[in-house]
Protein backbone atom coordinates (compact mmCIF):
# COMPACT_ATOMS: atom_id res chain seq x y z
CA MET A 1 5.16 18.18 19.25
CA ASP A 2 5.04 21.69 20.69
CA HIS A 3 1.32 22.08 20.20
CA PRO A 4 -0.67 22.84 23.40
CA ALA A 5 -2.93 19.80 22.86
CA PHE A 6 0.07 17.53 23.38
CA ALA A 7 1.30 19.39 26.45
CA ASP A 8 -2.04 19.56 28.25
CA GLY A 9 -2.97 15.93 27.57
CA HIS A 10 -6.05 16.85 25.52
CA PRO A 11 -8.64 14.02 25.67
CA LEU A 12 -8.76 13.73 21.87
CA VAL A 13 -5.00 13.17 21.75
CA ALA A 14 -5.24 10.54 24.49
CA ALA A 15 -8.13 8.83 22.68
CA VAL A 16 -6.51 8.56 19.24
CA LYS A 17 -2.86 8.04 20.21
CA PRO A 18 -3.07 4.22 20.56
CA LEU A 19 -4.66 3.97 17.12
CA VAL A 20 -2.17 6.38 15.57
CA ASP A 21 0.73 4.43 17.11
CA ALA A 22 -0.67 1.08 15.92
CA MET A 23 -0.95 2.40 12.37
CA GLY A 24 2.51 3.91 12.43
CA ALA A 25 1.03 7.35 11.81
CA GLU A 26 2.34 10.62 13.23
CA LEU A 27 0.59 13.24 15.38
CA LEU A 28 1.17 16.88 14.50
CA GLY A 29 -0.22 20.24 15.44
CA PRO A 30 -3.03 21.25 13.07
CA GLU A 31 -0.97 24.18 11.78
CA GLN A 32 1.57 21.63 10.45
CA ALA A 33 -1.04 19.73 8.43
CA GLN A 34 -0.41 19.16 4.78
CA PRO A 35 -3.19 18.46 2.25
CA ASP A 36 -3.02 14.67 2.72
CA ASP A 37 -3.08 14.82 6.53
CA VAL A 38 -6.27 14.33 8.56
CA VAL A 39 -7.11 17.20 10.90
CA LEU A 40 -9.18 16.25 13.94
CA ALA A 41 -11.38 18.79 15.70
CA TRP A 42 -12.88 18.87 19.19
CA GLU A 43 -15.90 21.08 19.84
CA GLY A 44 -15.30 22.99 16.62
CA GLU A 45 -11.60 23.64 17.20
CA ASP A 46 -8.82 21.92 15.25
CA VAL A 47 -6.78 20.05 17.87
CA ILE A 48 -4.38 17.71 16.08
CA ALA A 49 -3.44 16.45 12.66
CA VAL A 50 -2.64 12.86 11.77
CA ARG A 51 -0.10 12.11 9.08
CA LEU A 52 -0.90 8.67 7.75
CA PRO A 53 2.01 6.38 6.89
CA GLN A 54 2.79 4.98 3.49
CA LEU A 55 1.06 1.62 2.98
CA SER A 56 4.35 -0.26 3.02
CA ASP A 57 5.23 1.32 6.38
CA SER A 58 1.80 0.31 7.70
CA LEU A 59 2.50 -3.31 6.82
CA ASP A 60 5.74 -3.20 8.81
CA HIS A 61 3.84 -1.78 11.81
CA ILE A 62 1.12 -4.43 11.48
CA LEU A 63 3.75 -7.19 11.41
CA ALA A 64 5.51 -5.71 14.45
CA ALA A 65 2.19 -5.52 16.33
CA MET A 66 1.46 -9.16 15.47
CA GLU A 67 4.87 -10.17 16.83
CA ARG A 68 4.13 -8.30 20.06
CA ARG A 69 0.71 -9.97 20.30
CA HIS A 70 2.22 -13.44 19.83
CA GLY A 71 5.18 -12.67 22.08
CA MET A 72 7.74 -13.96 19.61
CA PRO A 73 9.05 -13.45 16.09
CA LEU A 74 6.46 -14.55 13.53
CA ALA A 75 9.03 -16.92 12.02
CA GLU A 76 8.95 -18.95 15.27
CA LEU A 77 5.19 -19.57 15.13
CA ASP A 78 3.84 -23.01 14.24
CA ARG A 79 2.37 -23.64 10.79
CA ARG A 80 -1.27 -23.32 11.87
CA THR A 81 -0.62 -19.99 13.59
CA LYS A 82 1.28 -18.71 10.54
CA GLN A 83 -1.77 -19.58 8.44
CA GLU A 84 -3.94 -17.57 10.85
CA VAL A 85 -1.53 -14.65 10.55
CA VAL A 86 -1.80 -14.80 6.76
CA ARG A 87 -5.62 -14.83 7.02
CA THR A 88 -5.56 -11.79 9.28
CA LEU A 89 -3.13 -9.97 7.01
CA GLU A 90 -5.24 -10.74 3.95
CA ALA A 91 -8.31 -9.33 5.70
CA ARG A 92 -6.34 -6.16 6.46
CA GLY A 93 -5.23 -5.72 2.84
CA ALA A 94 -1.57 -6.60 3.34
CA PHE A 95 -1.32 -8.30 -0.02
CA SER A 96 -2.52 -5.26 -1.95
CA VAL A 97 0.71 -3.49 -0.98
CA ARG A 98 3.56 -3.75 -3.44
CA HIS A 99 5.86 -6.56 -2.32
CA GLY A 100 3.37 -7.48 0.40
CA VAL A 101 3.73 -11.21 -0.18
CA GLU A 102 7.51 -10.97 -0.08
CA THR A 103 7.43 -8.85 3.08
CA VAL A 104 5.07 -11.24 4.85
CA ALA A 105 7.02 -14.30 3.68
CA GLY A 106 10.20 -12.79 5.09
CA ALA A 107 8.56 -12.03 8.43
CA LEU A 108 7.11 -15.54 8.65
CA GLY A 109 10.37 -17.20 7.59
CA VAL A 110 8.65 -18.98 4.70
CA SER A 111 8.78 -18.75 0.93
CA ARG A 112 6.44 -16.66 -1.21
CA PHE A 113 5.12 -19.96 -2.55
CA THR A 114 4.13 -20.98 0.98
CA VAL A 115 2.28 -17.69 1.54
CA TYR A 116 0.42 -18.20 -1.76
CA ASN A 117 -0.43 -21.74 -0.65
CA TYR A 118 -1.85 -20.42 2.63
CA LEU A 119 -3.90 -17.87 0.69
CA ASN A 120 -5.13 -20.45 -1.82
CA ARG A 121 -6.04 -22.89 0.95
CA GLU A 122 -8.05 -20.20 2.72
CA ASN A 123 -9.83 -19.15 -0.47
CA ALA A 124 -10.65 -22.79 -1.31
CA ALA A 125 -12.09 -23.27 2.18
CA LYS A 126 -14.33 -20.23 1.61
CA GLY A 127 -15.52 -21.73 -1.68
CA ASP A 128 -13.99 -19.01 -3.85
């Protein structure tokens, strides 16, 4: 990160860094941007580029953030809290990622069947 925006603590960098970190994305100088990167400008000048992570990497970052929020490994949570985690993950699209159910089941220390049961219970409660 040799770009001047990183060195001088540009306000745009400071503003987006927590979001970029939470997503597992990467900050780059705008000159390093590739076609799939998002270039952010400030007052008409390109300041930084954001390289978005692969969806599967995002899921890992989301799970790690949830562990930090709960202050313990997700596998140590009680059943009700695990169900809430599954609801949150479903709302964030975690189960649209290939092997999402397996990844979440592993993090929660439950079987895929249990994750599907949590999802089905939630959908039944919504009246789906």
